[in-house]
């Protein structure tokens, strides 16, 4: 699995450019239907892209929020990237049907 590494531009300034991941998933979510995604062995980071909003729960199933959740463990709305070292699964759910792409890095 490739590591999460950014590159400098021609002037030596850091950029947000990454090498492509060699471990990529595409997940099709139906409206309101949760889906569990196993984190591949060796993954320490994930980059998300989606065609619509989605919720993610780390290490547990996700549920669409229906009320305030002040527990500190609420699902997170459409993160761009997260460090997931030591997390075995990701729970995803979306209010409307959408596709979510996950690119994993070591």
PDB file of N, CA and C in Angstrom:
ATOM      1  N   UNK A   1       0.846  -1.172   0.000  1.00  0.00           N
ATOM      2  CA  UNK A   1       0.000   0.000   0.000  1.00  0.00           C
ATOM      3  C   UNK A   1       0.893   1.237   0.000  1.00  0.00           C
ATOM      4  N   UNK A   2       0.571   2.177  -0.839  1.00  0.00           N
ATOM      5  CA  UNK A   2       1.348   3.410  -0.921  1.00  0.00           C
ATOM      6  C   UNK A   2       1.143   4.270   0.319  1.00  0.00           C
ATOM      7  N   UNK A   3       2.173   5.024   0.669  1.00  0.00           N
ATOM      8  CA  UNK A   3       2.072   5.936   1.800  1.00  0.00           C
ATOM      9  C   UNK A   3       1.438   7.246   1.354  1.00  0.00           C
ATOM     10  N   UNK A   4       0.894   7.963   2.310  1.00  0.00           N
ATOM     11  CA  UNK A   4       0.287   9.274   2.077  1.00  0.00           C
ATOM     12  C   UNK A   4       1.419  10.287   1.999  1.00  0.00           C
ATOM     13  N   UNK A   5       1.712  10.754   0.795  1.00  0.00           N
ATOM     14  CA  UNK A   5       2.852  11.640   0.602  1.00  0.00           C
ATOM     15  C   UNK A   5       2.457  12.747  -0.360  1.00  0.00           C
ATOM     16  N   UNK A   6       2.748  13.989  -0.002  1.00  0.00           N
ATOM     17  CA  UNK A   6       2.523  15.112  -0.907  1.00  0.00           C
ATOM     18  C   UNK A   6       3.840  15.472  -1.593  1.00  0.00           C
ATOM     19  N   UNK A   7       3.740  16.276  -2.624  1.00  0.00           N
ATOM     20  CA  UNK A   7       4.916  16.617  -3.425  1.00  0.00           C
ATOM     21  C   UNK A   7       5.094  18.126  -3.509  1.00  0.00           C
ATOM     22  N   UNK A   8       6.328  18.546  -3.686  1.00  0.00           N
ATOM     23  CA  UNK A   8       6.640  19.956  -3.868  1.00  0.00           C
ATOM     24  C   UNK A   8       6.506  20.317  -5.343  1.00  0.00           C
ATOM     25  N   UNK A   9       6.187  21.600  -5.605  1.00  0.00           N
ATOM     26  CA  UNK A   9       6.126  22.065  -6.986  1.00  0.00           C
ATOM     27  C   UNK A   9       7.527  22.403  -7.494  1.00  0.00           C
ATOM     28  N   UNK A  10       7.623  22.918  -8.704  1.00  0.00           N
ATOM     29  CA  UNK A  10       8.916  23.207  -9.320  1.00  0.00           C
ATOM     30  C   UNK A  10       9.714  24.263  -8.558  1.00  0.00           C
ATOM     31  N   UNK A  11       9.032  25.073  -7.751  1.00  0.00           N
ATOM     32  CA  UNK A  11       9.694  26.106  -6.962  1.00  0.00           C
ATOM     33  C   UNK A  11      10.047  25.611  -5.559  1.00  0.00           C
ATOM     34  N   UNK A  12       9.722  24.351  -5.258  1.00  0.00           N
ATOM     35  CA  UNK A  12      10.028  23.788  -3.951  1.00  0.00           C
ATOM     36  C   UNK A  12       8.961  24.027  -2.900  1.00  0.00           C
ATOM     37  N   UNK A  13       7.834  24.628  -3.288  1.00  0.00           N
ATOM     38  CA  UNK A  13       6.739  24.871  -2.342  1.00  0.00           C
ATOM     39  C   UNK A  13       5.868  23.623  -2.234  1.00  0.00           C
ATOM     40  N   UNK A  14       5.405  23.306  -1.014  1.00  0.00           N
ATOM     41  CA  UNK A  14       4.547  22.124  -0.850  1.00  0.00           C
ATOM     42  C   UNK A  14       3.224  22.286  -1.599  1.00  0.00           C
ATOM     43  N   UNK A  15       2.712  21.171  -2.098  1.00  0.00           N
ATOM     44  CA  UNK A  15       1.418  21.152  -2.779  1.00  0.00           C
ATOM     45  C   UNK A  15       0.492  20.167  -2.079  1.00  0.00           C
ATOM     46  N   UNK A  16      -0.752  20.094  -2.531  1.00  0.00           N
ATOM     47  CA  UNK A  16      -1.723  19.118  -2.028  1.00  0.00           C
ATOM     48  C   UNK A  16      -1.801  17.897  -2.940  1.00  0.00           C
ATOM     49  N   UNK A  17      -0.838  17.726  -3.824  1.00  0.00           N
ATOM     50  CA  UNK A  17      -0.872  16.649  -4.812  1.00  0.00           C
ATOM     51  C   UNK A  17      -0.350  15.349  -4.199  1.00  0.00           C
ATOM     52  N   UNK A  18      -1.124  14.265  -4.407  1.00  0.00           N
ATOM     53  CA  UNK A  18      -0.768  12.933  -3.928  1.00  0.00           C
ATOM     54  C   UNK A  18      -0.538  11.996  -5.104  1.00  0.00           C
ATOM     55  N   UNK A  19       0.233  10.960  -4.887  1.00  0.00           N
ATOM     56  CA  UNK A  19       0.284   9.863  -5.849  1.00  0.00           C
ATOM     57  C   UNK A  19      -1.043   9.121  -5.773  1.00  0.00           C
ATOM     58  N   UNK A  20      -1.465   8.472  -6.859  1.00  0.00           N
ATOM     59  CA  UNK A  20      -2.692   7.688  -6.782  1.00  0.00           C
ATOM     60  C   UNK A  20      -2.530   6.540  -5.785  1.00  0.00           C
ATOM     61  N   UNK A  21      -3.585   6.256  -5.071  1.00  0.00           N
ATOM     62  CA  UNK A  21      -3.589   5.112  -4.170  1.00  0.00           C
ATOM     63  C   UNK A  21      -3.629   3.828  -4.986  1.00  0.00           C
ATOM     64  N   UNK A  22      -2.999   2.790  -4.486  1.00  0.00           N
ATOM     65  CA  UNK A  22      -3.113   1.493  -5.147  1.00  0.00           C
ATOM     66  C   UNK A  22      -4.184   0.631  -4.489  1.00  0.00           C
ATOM     67  N   UNK A  23      -4.931   1.221  -3.540  1.00  0.00           N
ATOM     68  CA  UNK A  23      -6.048   0.527  -2.889  1.00  0.00           C
ATOM     69  C   UNK A  23      -7.237   1.483  -2.843  1.00  0.00           C
ATOM     70  N   UNK A  24      -8.126   1.331  -3.841  1.00  0.00           N
ATOM     71  CA  UNK A  24      -9.273   2.228  -3.982  1.00  0.00           C
ATOM     72  C   UNK A  24     -10.564   1.421  -3.991  1.00  0.00           C
ATOM     73  N   UNK A  25     -11.567   1.925  -3.273  1.00  0.00           N
ATOM     74  CA  UNK A  25     -12.895   1.305  -3.246  1.00  0.00           C
ATOM     75  C   UNK A  25     -13.911   2.304  -3.791  1.00  0.00           C
ATOM     76  N   UNK A  26     -14.966   1.793  -4.418  1.00  0.00           N
ATOM     77  CA  UNK A  26     -16.139   2.586  -4.765  1.00  0.00           C
ATOM     78  C   UNK A  26     -17.329   1.910  -4.104  1.00  0.00           C
ATOM     79  N   UNK A  27     -18.098   2.695  -3.378  1.00  0.00           N
ATOM     80  CA  UNK A  27     -19.243   2.170  -2.638  1.00  0.00           C
ATOM     81  C   UNK A  27     -20.498   2.894  -3.111  1.00  0.00           C
ATOM     82  N   UNK A  28     -21.511   2.125  -3.497  1.00  0.00           N
ATOM     83  CA  UNK A  28     -22.782   2.700  -3.910  1.00  0.00           C
ATOM     84  C   UNK A  28     -23.739   2.642  -2.718  1.00  0.00           C
ATOM     85  N   UNK A  29     -24.174   3.809  -2.254  1.00  0.00           N
ATOM     86  CA  UNK A  29     -25.072   3.879  -1.104  1.00  0.00           C
ATOM     87  C   UNK A  29     -26.496   4.151  -1.576  1.00  0.00           C
ATOM     88  N   UNK A  30     -27.438   3.370  -1.069  1.00  0.00           N
ATOM     89  CA  UNK A  30     -28.857   3.635  -1.287  1.00  0.00           C
ATOM     90  C   UNK A  30     -29.323   4.569  -0.172  1.00  0.00           C
ATOM     91  N   UNK A  31     -30.314   5.372  -0.446  1.00  0.00           N
ATOM     92  CA  UNK A  31     -30.795   6.354   0.518  1.00  0.00           C
ATOM     93  C   UNK A  31     -31.165   5.699   1.844  1.00  0.00           C
ATOM     94  N   UNK A  32     -30.490   6.122   2.913  1.00  0.00           N
ATOM     95  CA  UNK A  32     -30.811   5.673   4.264  1.00  0.00           C
ATOM     96  C   UNK A  32     -30.360   4.277   4.624  1.00  0.00           C
ATOM     97  N   UNK A  33     -29.656   3.590   3.733  1.00  0.00           N
ATOM     98  CA  UNK A  33     -29.241   2.208   3.993  1.00  0.00           C
ATOM     99  C   UNK A  33     -27.757   2.204   4.387  1.00  0.00           C
ATOM    100  N   UNK A  34     -27.446   1.863   5.653  1.00  0.00           N
ATOM    101  CA  UNK A  34     -26.044   1.862   6.077  1.00  0.00           C
ATOM    102  C   UNK A  34     -25.252   0.733   5.446  1.00  0.00           C
ATOM    103  N   UNK A  35     -23.948   0.980   5.289  1.00  0.00           N
ATOM    104  CA  UNK A  35     -23.063  -0.025   4.724  1.00  0.00           C
ATOM    105  C   UNK A  35     -21.755  -0.005   5.506  1.00  0.00           C
ATOM    106  N   UNK A  36     -21.254  -1.198   5.874  1.00  0.00           N
ATOM    107  CA  UNK A  36     -19.978  -1.327   6.571  1.00  0.00           C
ATOM    108  C   UNK A  36     -18.870  -1.632   5.582  1.00  0.00           C
ATOM    109  N   UNK A  37     -17.752  -0.932   5.727  1.00  0.00           N
ATOM    110  CA  UNK A  37     -16.620  -1.092   4.831  1.00  0.00           C
ATOM    111  C   UNK A  37     -15.414  -1.544   5.654  1.00  0.00           C
ATOM    112  N   UNK A  38     -14.840  -2.705   5.381  1.00  0.00           N
ATOM    113  CA  UNK A  38     -13.636  -3.119   6.099  1.00  0.00           C
ATOM    114  C   UNK A  38     -12.441  -2.273   5.653  1.00  0.00           C
ATOM    115  N   UNK A  39     -11.640  -1.827   6.594  1.00  0.00           N
ATOM    116  CA  UNK A  39     -10.424  -1.080   6.277  1.00  0.00           C
ATOM    117  C   UNK A  39      -9.367  -2.099   5.866  1.00  0.00           C
ATOM    118  N   UNK A  40      -8.728  -1.908   4.707  1.00  0.00           N
ATOM    119  CA  UNK A  40      -7.728  -2.888   4.277  1.00  0.00           C
ATOM    120  C   UNK A  40      -6.511  -2.924   5.201  1.00  0.00           C
ATOM    121  N   UNK A  41      -5.899  -4.074   5.302  1.00  0.00           N
ATOM    122  CA  UNK A  41      -4.702  -4.233   6.132  1.00  0.00           C
ATOM    123  C   UNK A  41      -3.638  -3.234   5.694  1.00  0.00           C
ATOM    124  N   UNK A  42      -3.008  -2.591   6.662  1.00  0.00           N
ATOM    125  CA  UNK A  42      -1.946  -1.642   6.391  1.00  0.00           C
ATOM    126  C   UNK A  42      -2.405  -0.229   6.129  1.00  0.00           C
ATOM    127  N   UNK A  43      -3.711   0.003   6.044  1.00  0.00           N
ATOM    128  CA  UNK A  43      -4.217   1.358   5.791  1.00  0.00           C
ATOM    129  C   UNK A  43      -4.108   2.208   7.052  1.00  0.00           C
ATOM    130  N   UNK A  44      -3.597   3.408   6.887  1.00  0.00           N
ATOM    131  CA  UNK A  44      -3.487   4.349   8.000  1.00  0.00           C
ATOM    132  C   UNK A  44      -4.247   5.645   7.727  1.00  0.00           C
ATOM    133  N   UNK A  45      -4.562   5.908   6.437  1.00  0.00           N
ATOM    134  CA  UNK A  45      -5.287   7.120   6.053  1.00  0.00           C
ATOM    135  C   UNK A  45      -6.257   6.783   4.933  1.00  0.00           C
ATOM    136  N   UNK A  46      -7.332   7.579   4.843  1.00  0.00           N
ATOM    137  CA  UNK A  46      -8.295   7.425   3.759  1.00  0.00           C
ATOM    138  C   UNK A  46      -8.679   8.810   3.250  1.00  0.00           C
ATOM    139  N   UNK A  47      -8.828   8.903   1.933  1.00  0.00           N
ATOM    140  CA  UNK A  47      -9.315  10.109   1.280  1.00  0.00           C
ATOM    141  C   UNK A  47     -10.675   9.760   0.684  1.00  0.00           C
ATOM    142  N   UNK A  48     -11.690  10.590   0.984  1.00  0.00           N
ATOM    143  CA  UNK A  48     -13.055  10.358   0.508  1.00  0.00           C
ATOM    144  C   UNK A  48     -13.392  11.322  -0.632  1.00  0.00           C
ATOM    145  N   UNK A  49     -14.186  10.848  -1.591  1.00  0.00           N
ATOM    146  CA  UNK A  49     -14.835  11.679  -2.602  1.00  0.00           C
ATOM    147  C   UNK A  49     -16.224  11.100  -2.779  1.00  0.00           C
ATOM    148  N   UNK A  50     -17.214  11.957  -3.030  1.00  0.00           N
ATOM    149  CA  UNK A  50     -18.580  11.444  -3.148  1.00  0.00           C
ATOM    150  C   UNK A  50     -19.405  12.308  -4.096  1.00  0.00           C
ATOM    151  N   UNK A  51     -20.445  11.703  -4.641  1.00  0.00           N
ATOM    152  CA  UNK A  51     -21.361  12.418  -5.519  1.00  0.00           C
ATOM    153  C   UNK A  51     -22.454  13.141  -4.740  1.00  0.00           C
ATOM    154  N   UNK A  52     -22.508  12.939  -3.439  1.00  0.00           N
ATOM    155  CA  UNK A  52     -23.480  13.598  -2.582  1.00  0.00           C
ATOM    156  C   UNK A  52     -23.031  13.523  -1.137  1.00  0.00           C
ATOM    157  N   UNK A  53     -23.757  14.173  -0.233  1.00  0.00           N
ATOM    158  CA  UNK A  53     -23.377  14.116   1.177  1.00  0.00           C
ATOM    159  C   UNK A  53     -23.541  12.709   1.748  1.00  0.00           C
ATOM    160  N   UNK A  54     -22.653  12.357   2.674  1.00  0.00           N
ATOM    161  CA  UNK A  54     -22.714  11.062   3.342  1.00  0.00           C
ATOM    162  C   UNK A  54     -22.198  11.253   4.771  1.00  0.00           C
ATOM    163  N   UNK A  55     -22.535  10.306   5.630  1.00  0.00           N
ATOM    164  CA  UNK A  55     -22.072  10.288   7.020  1.00  0.00           C
ATOM    165  C   UNK A  55     -21.158   9.098   7.198  1.00  0.00           C
ATOM    166  N   UNK A  56     -20.110   9.263   8.006  1.00  0.00           N
ATOM    167  CA  UNK A  56     -19.195   8.162   8.299  1.00  0.00           C
ATOM    168  C   UNK A  56     -19.046   8.005   9.807  1.00  0.00           C
ATOM    169  N   UNK A  57     -18.988   6.761  10.244  1.00  0.00           N
ATOM    170  CA  UNK A  57     -18.734   6.427  11.648  1.00  0.00           C
ATOM    171  C   UNK A  57     -17.496   5.531  11.662  1.00  0.00           C
ATOM    172  N   UNK A  58     -16.577   5.802  12.546  1.00  0.00           N
ATOM    173  CA  UNK A  58     -15.291   5.095  12.586  1.00  0.00           C
ATOM    174  C   UNK A  58     -15.375   3.908  13.540  1.00  0.00           C
ATOM    175  N   UNK A  59     -15.218   2.688  12.996  1.00  0.00           N
ATOM    176  CA  UNK A  59     -15.226   1.482  13.810  1.00  0.00           C
ATOM    177  C   UNK A  59     -16.601   1.009  14.226  1.00  0.00           C
ATOM    178  N   UNK A  60     -17.641   1.571  13.622  1.00  0.00           N
ATOM    179  CA  UNK A  60     -19.012   1.186  13.986  1.00  0.00           C
ATOM    180  C   UNK A  60     -19.944   1.498  12.816  1.00  0.00           C
ATOM    181  N   UNK A  61     -21.174   1.011  12.911  1.00  0.00           N
ATOM    182  CA  UNK A  61     -22.178   1.303  11.889  1.00  0.00           C
ATOM    183  C   UNK A  61     -22.586   2.769  11.976  1.00  0.00           C
ATOM    184  N   UNK A  62     -22.900   3.349  10.845  1.00  0.00           N
ATOM    185  CA  UNK A  62     -23.375   4.735  10.802  1.00  0.00           C
ATOM    186  C   UNK A  62     -24.894   4.749  10.720  1.00  0.00           C
ATOM    187  N   UNK A  63     -25.491   5.790  11.276  1.00  0.00           N
ATOM    188  CA  UNK A  63     -26.932   6.002  11.178  1.00  0.00           C
ATOM    189  C   UNK A  63     -27.165   7.468  10.831  1.00  0.00           C
ATOM    190  N   UNK A  64     -28.195   7.714  10.053  1.00  0.00           N
ATOM    191  CA  UNK A  64     -28.536   9.095   9.741  1.00  0.00           C
ATOM    192  C   UNK A  64     -28.973   9.809  11.016  1.00  0.00           C
ATOM    193  N   UNK A  65     -28.410  10.953  11.313  1.00  0.00           N
ATOM    194  CA  UNK A  65     -28.841  11.688  12.509  1.00  0.00           C
ATOM    195  C   UNK A  65     -30.302  12.120  12.366  1.00  0.00           C
ATOM    196  N   UNK A  66     -31.067  11.922  13.423  1.00  0.00           N
ATOM    197  CA  UNK A  66     -32.471  12.318  13.435  1.00  0.00           C
ATOM    198  C   UNK A  66     -32.746  13.355  14.519  1.00  0.00           C
ATOM    199  N   UNK A  67     -31.748  13.627  15.353  1.00  0.00           N
ATOM    200  CA  UNK A  67     -31.878  14.584  16.448  1.00  0.00           C
ATOM    201  C   UNK A  67     -30.477  15.027  16.847  1.00  0.00           C
ATOM    202  N   UNK A  68     -30.410  15.989  17.745  1.00  0.00           N
ATOM    203  CA  UNK A  68     -29.103  16.411  18.259  1.00  0.00           C
ATOM    204  C   UNK A  68     -28.372  15.224  18.856  1.00  0.00           C
ATOM    205  N   UNK A  69     -27.060  15.177  18.654  1.00  0.00           N
ATOM    206  CA  UNK A  69     -26.217  14.156  19.265  1.00  0.00           C
ATOM    207  C   UNK A  69     -25.026  14.863  19.900  1.00  0.00           C
ATOM    208  N   UNK A  70     -25.049  14.990  21.190  1.00  0.00           N
ATOM    209  CA  UNK A  70     -23.994  15.670  21.935  1.00  0.00           C
ATOM    210  C   UNK A  70     -23.127  14.680  22.692  1.00  0.00           C
ATOM    211  N   UNK A  71     -23.114  13.432  22.233  1.00  0.00           N
ATOM    212  CA  UNK A  71     -22.385  12.362  22.912  1.00  0.00           C
ATOM    213  C   UNK A  71     -20.876  12.438  22.685  1.00  0.00           C
ATOM    214  N   UNK A  72     -20.471  13.145  21.641  1.00  0.00           N
ATOM    215  CA  UNK A  72     -19.063  13.169  21.280  1.00  0.00           C
ATOM    216  C   UNK A  72     -18.681  12.080  20.304  1.00  0.00           C
ATOM    217  N   UNK A  73     -19.598  11.186  19.989  1.00  0.00           N
ATOM    218  CA  UNK A  73     -19.299  10.097  19.055  1.00  0.00           C
ATOM    219  C   UNK A  73     -20.291  10.071  17.891  1.00  0.00           C
ATOM    220  N   UNK A  74     -20.794  11.239  17.518  1.00  0.00           N
ATOM    221  CA  UNK A  74     -21.729  11.337  16.395  1.00  0.00           C
ATOM    222  C   UNK A  74     -21.018  10.997  15.091  1.00  0.00           C
ATOM    223  N   UNK A  75     -21.750  10.562  14.077  1.00  0.00           N
ATOM    224  CA  UNK A  75     -21.117  10.349  12.780  1.00  0.00           C
ATOM    225  C   UNK A  75     -20.646  11.689  12.210  1.00  0.00           C
ATOM    226  N   UNK A  76     -19.708  11.611  11.277  1.00  0.00           N
ATOM    227  CA  UNK A  76     -19.133  12.820  10.697  1.00  0.00           C
ATOM    228  C   UNK A  76     -19.640  12.990   9.266  1.00  0.00           C
ATOM    229  N   UNK A  77     -19.961  14.218   8.903  1.00  0.00           N
ATOM    230  CA  UNK A  77     -20.517  14.515   7.587  1.00  0.00           C
ATOM    231  C   UNK A  77     -19.419  14.764   6.557  1.00  0.00           C
ATOM    232  N   UNK A  78     -19.370  13.943   5.535  1.00  0.00           N
ATOM    233  CA  UNK A  78     -18.544  14.124   4.339  1.00  0.00           C
ATOM    234  C   UNK A  78     -17.126  14.636   4.585  1.00  0.00           C
ATOM    235  N   UNK A  79     -16.330  13.930   5.392  1.00  0.00           N
ATOM    236  CA  UNK A  79     -14.946  14.387   5.567  1.00  0.00           C
ATOM    237  C   UNK A  79     -14.165  14.226   4.262  1.00  0.00           C
ATOM    238  N   UNK A  80     -13.119  15.011   4.106  1.00  0.00           N
ATOM    239  CA  UNK A  80     -12.276  14.905   2.910  1.00  0.00           C
ATOM    240  C   UNK A  80     -11.245  13.798   3.072  1.00  0.00           C
ATOM    241  N   UNK A  81     -10.597  13.754   4.235  1.00  0.00           N
ATOM    242  CA  UNK A  81      -9.562  12.748   4.505  1.00  0.00           C
ATOM    243  C   UNK A  81      -9.441  12.579   6.010  1.00  0.00           C
ATOM    244  N   UNK A  82      -9.087  11.385   6.444  1.00  0.00           N
ATOM    245  CA  UNK A  82      -8.921  11.124   7.870  1.00  0.00           C
ATOM    246  C   UNK A  82      -7.815  10.103   8.089  1.00  0.00           C
ATOM    247  N   UNK A  83      -7.163  10.215   9.224  1.00  0.00           N
ATOM    248  CA  UNK A  83      -6.198   9.221   9.698  1.00  0.00           C
ATOM    249  C   UNK A  83      -7.015   8.118  10.348  1.00  0.00           C
ATOM    250  N   UNK A  84      -6.851   6.886   9.909  1.00  0.00           N
ATOM    251  CA  UNK A  84      -7.667   5.775  10.409  1.00  0.00           C
ATOM    252  C   UNK A  84      -6.811   4.641  10.944  1.00  0.00           C
ATOM    253  N   UNK A  85      -5.581   4.914  11.264  1.00  0.00           N
ATOM    254  CA  UNK A  85      -4.668   3.899  11.781  1.00  0.00           C
ATOM    255  C   UNK A  85      -5.299   3.196  12.984  1.00  0.00           C
ATOM    256  N   UNK A  86      -5.414   1.875  12.938  1.00  0.00           N
ATOM    257  CA  UNK A  86      -5.982   1.110  14.043  1.00  0.00           C
ATOM    258  C   UNK A  86      -7.492   0.961  14.007  1.00  0.00           C
ATOM    259  N   UNK A  87      -8.164   1.528  13.031  1.00  0.00           N
ATOM    260  CA  UNK A  87      -9.614   1.391  12.892  1.00  0.00           C
ATOM    261  C   UNK A  87      -9.895   0.267  11.906  1.00  0.00           C
ATOM    262  N   UNK A  88     -10.742  -0.679  12.290  1.00  0.00           N
ATOM    263  CA  UNK A  88     -10.969  -1.877  11.472  1.00  0.00           C
ATOM    264  C   UNK A  88     -12.056  -1.708  10.413  1.00  0.00           C
ATOM    265  N   UNK A  89     -12.997  -0.765  10.627  1.00  0.00           N
ATOM    266  CA  UNK A  89     -14.096  -0.623   9.673  1.00  0.00           C
ATOM    267  C   UNK A  89     -14.606   0.809   9.664  1.00  0.00           C
ATOM    268  N   UNK A  90     -15.280   1.140   8.577  1.00  0.00           N
ATOM    269  CA  UNK A  90     -15.935   2.434   8.435  1.00  0.00           C
ATOM    270  C   UNK A  90     -17.403   2.179   8.156  1.00  0.00           C
ATOM    271  N   UNK A  91     -18.278   2.862   8.866  1.00  0.00           N
ATOM    272  CA  UNK A  91     -19.707   2.778   8.612  1.00  0.00           C
ATOM    273  C   UNK A  91     -20.125   3.982   7.786  1.00  0.00           C
ATOM    274  N   UNK A  92     -20.813   3.741   6.670  1.00  0.00           N
ATOM    275  CA  UNK A  92     -21.269   4.824   5.798  1.00  0.00           C
ATOM    276  C   UNK A  92     -22.779   4.778   5.655  1.00  0.00           C
ATOM    277  N   UNK A  93     -23.379   5.961   5.523  1.00  0.00           N
ATOM    278  CA  UNK A  93     -24.801   6.070   5.225  1.00  0.00           C
ATOM    279  C   UNK A  93     -25.023   7.438   4.596  1.00  0.00           C
ATOM    280  N   UNK A  94     -26.025   7.544   3.713  1.00  0.00           N
ATOM    281  CA  UNK A  94     -26.309   8.799   3.031  1.00  0.00           C
ATOM    282  C   UNK A  94     -27.813   9.061   3.022  1.00  0.00           C
ATOM    283  N   UNK A  95     -28.222  10.328   3.069  1.00  0.00           N
ATOM    284  CA  UNK A  95     -29.647  10.624   3.026  1.00  0.00           C
ATOM    285  C   UNK A  95     -30.268  10.371   1.652  1.00  0.00           C
ATOM    286  N   UNK A  96     -29.470  10.448   0.594  1.00  0.00           N
ATOM    287  CA  UNK A  96     -29.911  10.171  -0.774  1.00  0.00           C
ATOM    288  C   UNK A  96     -28.900   9.226  -1.416  1.00  0.00           C
ATOM    289  N   UNK A  97     -29.312   8.511  -2.424  1.00  0.00           N
ATOM    290  CA  UNK A  97     -28.397   7.601  -3.113  1.00  0.00           C
ATOM    291  C   UNK A  97     -27.186   8.365  -3.637  1.00  0.00           C
ATOM    292  N   UNK A  98     -26.006   7.807  -3.449  1.00  0.00           N
ATOM    293  CA  UNK A  98     -24.786   8.439  -3.953  1.00  0.00           C
ATOM    294  C   UNK A  98     -23.683   7.395  -4.040  1.00  0.00           C
ATOM    295  N   UNK A  99     -22.598   7.770  -4.701  1.00  0.00           N
ATOM    296  CA  UNK A  99     -21.408   6.948  -4.776  1.00  0.00           C
ATOM    297  C   UNK A  99     -20.333   7.598  -3.911  1.00  0.00           C
ATOM    298  N   UNK A 100     -19.593   6.772  -3.172  1.00  0.00           N
ATOM    299  CA  UNK A 100     -18.478   7.262  -2.350  1.00  0.00           C
ATOM    300  C   UNK A 100     -17.229   6.504  -2.782  1.00  0.00           C
ATOM    301  N   UNK A 101     -16.184   7.262  -3.101  1.00  0.00           N
ATOM    302  CA  UNK A 101     -14.886   6.675  -3.447  1.00  0.00           C
ATOM    303  C   UNK A 101     -13.964   6.815  -2.244  1.00  0.00           C
ATOM    304  N   UNK A 102     -13.275   5.747  -1.915  1.00  0.00           N
ATOM    305  CA  UNK A 102     -12.331   5.749  -0.788  1.00  0.00           C
ATOM    306  C   UNK A 102     -10.960   5.344  -1.315  1.00  0.00           C
ATOM    307  N   UNK A 103      -9.974   6.184  -1.093  1.00  0.00           N
ATOM    308  CA  UNK A 103      -8.591   5.900  -1.471  1.00  0.00           C
ATOM    309  C   UNK A 103      -7.782   5.719  -0.193  1.00  0.00           C
ATOM    310  N   UNK A 104      -7.229   4.528  -0.003  1.00  0.00           N
ATOM    311  CA  UNK A 104      -6.513   4.203   1.232  1.00  0.00           C
ATOM    312  C   UNK A 104      -5.010   4.351   1.034  1.00  0.00           C
ATOM    313  N   UNK A 105      -4.341   4.811   2.090  1.00  0.00           N
ATOM    314  CA  UNK A 105      -2.892   4.961   2.103  1.00  0.00           C
ATOM    315  C   UNK A 105      -2.332   4.374   3.373  1.00  0.00           C
ATOM    316  N   UNK A 106      -1.106   3.858   3.304  1.00  0.00           N
ATOM    317  CA  UNK A 106      -0.450   3.262   4.460  1.00  0.00           C
ATOM    318  C   UNK A 106       0.209   4.295   5.351  1.00  0.00           C
TER     319      UNK A 106
END
